[in-house]
């Protein structure tokens, strides 16, 4: 049986891995686009690396720091809203954002489940 602490740890690890991958992809010159986009992409990459470290920090004391997962869900919702806006304005096709949206939804589900599954641990 998977314990609530293991669910929390899995959430922190999954989030950290996803953030680290995205941060690295943001720094690949061919993905950074035109010169006007390189600076904002660099800023975004630094935030992604920072959030990766925040999730690693949460992993070290998952019960005490499970609130980080709720903050991460808020950030993921913002990322999804940004993708939805790009589709609504015609800048991207739905097919282009579908993989990202799917991963985001999966991470949110995992993190939300883990957080709510572990709420009783602080009451003991």
Protein backbone atom coordinates (compact mmCIF):
# COMPACT_ATOMS: atom_id res chain seq x y z
CA UNK A 1 0.00 0.00 0.00
CA UNK A 2 1.28 3.44 -0.87
CA UNK A 3 1.35 5.69 2.18
CA UNK A 4 0.37 9.38 2.17
CA UNK A 5 4.02 10.33 2.66
CA UNK A 6 5.02 8.36 -0.42
CA UNK A 7 2.31 10.12 -2.44
CA UNK A 8 3.68 13.46 -1.25
CA UNK A 9 7.22 12.49 -2.16
CA UNK A 10 6.08 11.25 -5.58
CA UNK A 11 4.36 14.59 -6.16
CA UNK A 12 7.46 16.57 -5.24
CA UNK A 13 9.67 14.39 -7.45
CA UNK A 14 7.31 14.51 -10.44
CA UNK A 15 7.01 18.28 -10.18
CA UNK A 16 10.75 18.79 -9.81
CA UNK A 17 11.52 16.59 -12.81
CA UNK A 18 8.93 18.34 -14.98
CA UNK A 19 10.20 21.79 -13.98
CA UNK A 20 13.83 20.86 -14.56
CA UNK A 21 13.06 19.51 -18.04
CA UNK A 22 11.11 22.62 -19.00
CA UNK A 23 13.82 24.91 -17.61
CA UNK A 24 16.49 23.17 -19.68
CA UNK A 25 14.31 23.26 -22.80
CA UNK A 26 13.81 27.00 -22.29
CA UNK A 27 17.56 27.52 -22.50
CA UNK A 28 18.07 25.68 -25.80
CA UNK A 29 18.80 28.43 -28.31
CA UNK A 30 16.66 26.95 -31.10
CA UNK A 31 13.66 26.91 -28.74
CA UNK A 32 14.24 30.41 -27.43
CA UNK A 33 13.09 32.01 -30.65
CA UNK A 34 13.96 35.42 -31.94
CA UNK A 35 16.17 37.84 -30.05
CA UNK A 36 13.14 39.58 -28.53
CA UNK A 37 12.14 36.33 -26.82
CA UNK A 38 15.53 35.27 -25.45
CA UNK A 39 15.47 37.57 -22.44
CA UNK A 40 11.95 36.58 -21.27
CA UNK A 41 12.76 32.91 -21.89
CA UNK A 42 15.88 33.26 -19.76
CA UNK A 43 13.85 34.87 -16.99
CA UNK A 44 11.26 32.12 -17.17
CA UNK A 45 13.97 29.45 -17.10
CA UNK A 46 15.47 30.92 -13.94
CA UNK A 47 12.03 30.83 -12.29
CA UNK A 48 11.56 27.22 -13.39
CA UNK A 49 14.93 26.25 -11.90
CA UNK A 50 13.97 28.07 -8.69
CA UNK A 51 10.65 26.22 -8.50
CA UNK A 52 12.52 22.96 -9.11
CA UNK A 53 14.62 23.70 -6.03
CA UNK A 54 11.49 24.61 -4.05
CA UNK A 55 10.02 21.19 -4.87
CA UNK A 56 13.29 19.47 -3.91
CA UNK A 57 13.16 21.38 -0.63
CA UNK A 58 9.58 20.21 -0.11
CA UNK A 59 10.61 16.61 -0.73
CA UNK A 60 12.97 16.75 2.25
CA UNK A 61 10.09 17.30 4.71
CA UNK A 62 7.03 16.38 2.66
CA UNK A 63 4.47 16.47 5.47
CA UNK A 64 5.59 19.82 6.85
CA UNK A 65 5.93 21.38 3.39
CA UNK A 66 2.94 19.86 1.62
CA UNK A 67 1.52 23.39 1.20
CA UNK A 68 4.12 23.91 -1.52
CA UNK A 69 2.05 21.50 -3.61
CA UNK A 70 -0.97 23.81 -3.40
CA UNK A 71 1.18 26.75 -4.52
CA UNK A 72 2.47 24.62 -7.37
CA UNK A 73 -1.09 23.83 -8.44
CA UNK A 74 -1.77 27.59 -8.62
CA UNK A 75 1.30 28.04 -10.83
CA UNK A 76 0.23 25.14 -13.05
CA UNK A 77 -3.22 26.68 -13.41
CA UNK A 78 -1.53 29.87 -14.59
CA UNK A 79 0.50 27.95 -17.15
CA UNK A 80 -2.64 26.22 -18.39
CA UNK A 81 -4.51 29.52 -18.60
CA UNK A 82 -1.67 30.94 -20.66
CA UNK A 83 -1.90 28.03 -23.08
CA UNK A 84 -5.68 28.36 -23.30
CA UNK A 85 -5.31 32.06 -24.05
CA UNK A 86 -2.88 31.30 -26.87
CA UNK A 87 -5.39 28.88 -28.37
CA UNK A 88 -8.29 31.35 -27.92
CA UNK A 89 -6.37 34.11 -29.72
CA UNK A 90 -5.31 31.80 -32.55
CA UNK A 91 -1.60 32.05 -31.74
CA UNK A 92 -1.39 28.27 -31.12
CA UNK A 93 -3.49 25.34 -32.21
CA UNK A 94 -5.13 23.17 -29.60
CA UNK A 95 -3.00 20.25 -30.79
CA UNK A 96 0.13 22.22 -29.91
CA UNK A 97 -0.90 22.80 -26.28
CA UNK A 98 -2.64 19.45 -25.70
CA UNK A 99 0.50 17.56 -24.55
CA UNK A 100 1.41 20.31 -22.10
CA UNK A 101 -2.16 20.58 -20.84
CA UNK A 102 -2.30 16.82 -20.33
CA UNK A 103 0.92 16.78 -18.31
CA UNK A 104 -0.24 19.78 -16.29
CA UNK A 105 -3.59 18.15 -15.52
CA UNK A 106 -1.84 14.95 -14.45
CA UNK A 107 0.53 16.83 -12.16
CA UNK A 108 -2.32 18.80 -10.63
CA UNK A 109 -4.28 15.61 -10.02
CA UNK A 110 -1.31 13.91 -8.39
CA UNK A 111 -0.45 16.92 -6.25
CA UNK A 112 -4.04 17.60 -5.23
CA UNK A 113 -4.63 13.97 -4.30
CA UNK A 114 -1.36 13.81 -2.37
CA UNK A 115 -2.08 16.98 -0.45
CA UNK A 116 -5.61 16.05 0.56
CA UNK A 117 -4.64 12.44 1.26
CA UNK A 118 -1.99 13.68 3.72
CA UNK A 119 -4.01 16.33 5.59
CA UNK A 120 -4.64 14.05 8.55
CA UNK A 121 -0.91 13.43 9.10
CA UNK A 122 -0.47 16.77 10.89
CA UNK A 123 -3.40 16.01 13.19
CA UNK A 124 -1.73 12.93 14.71
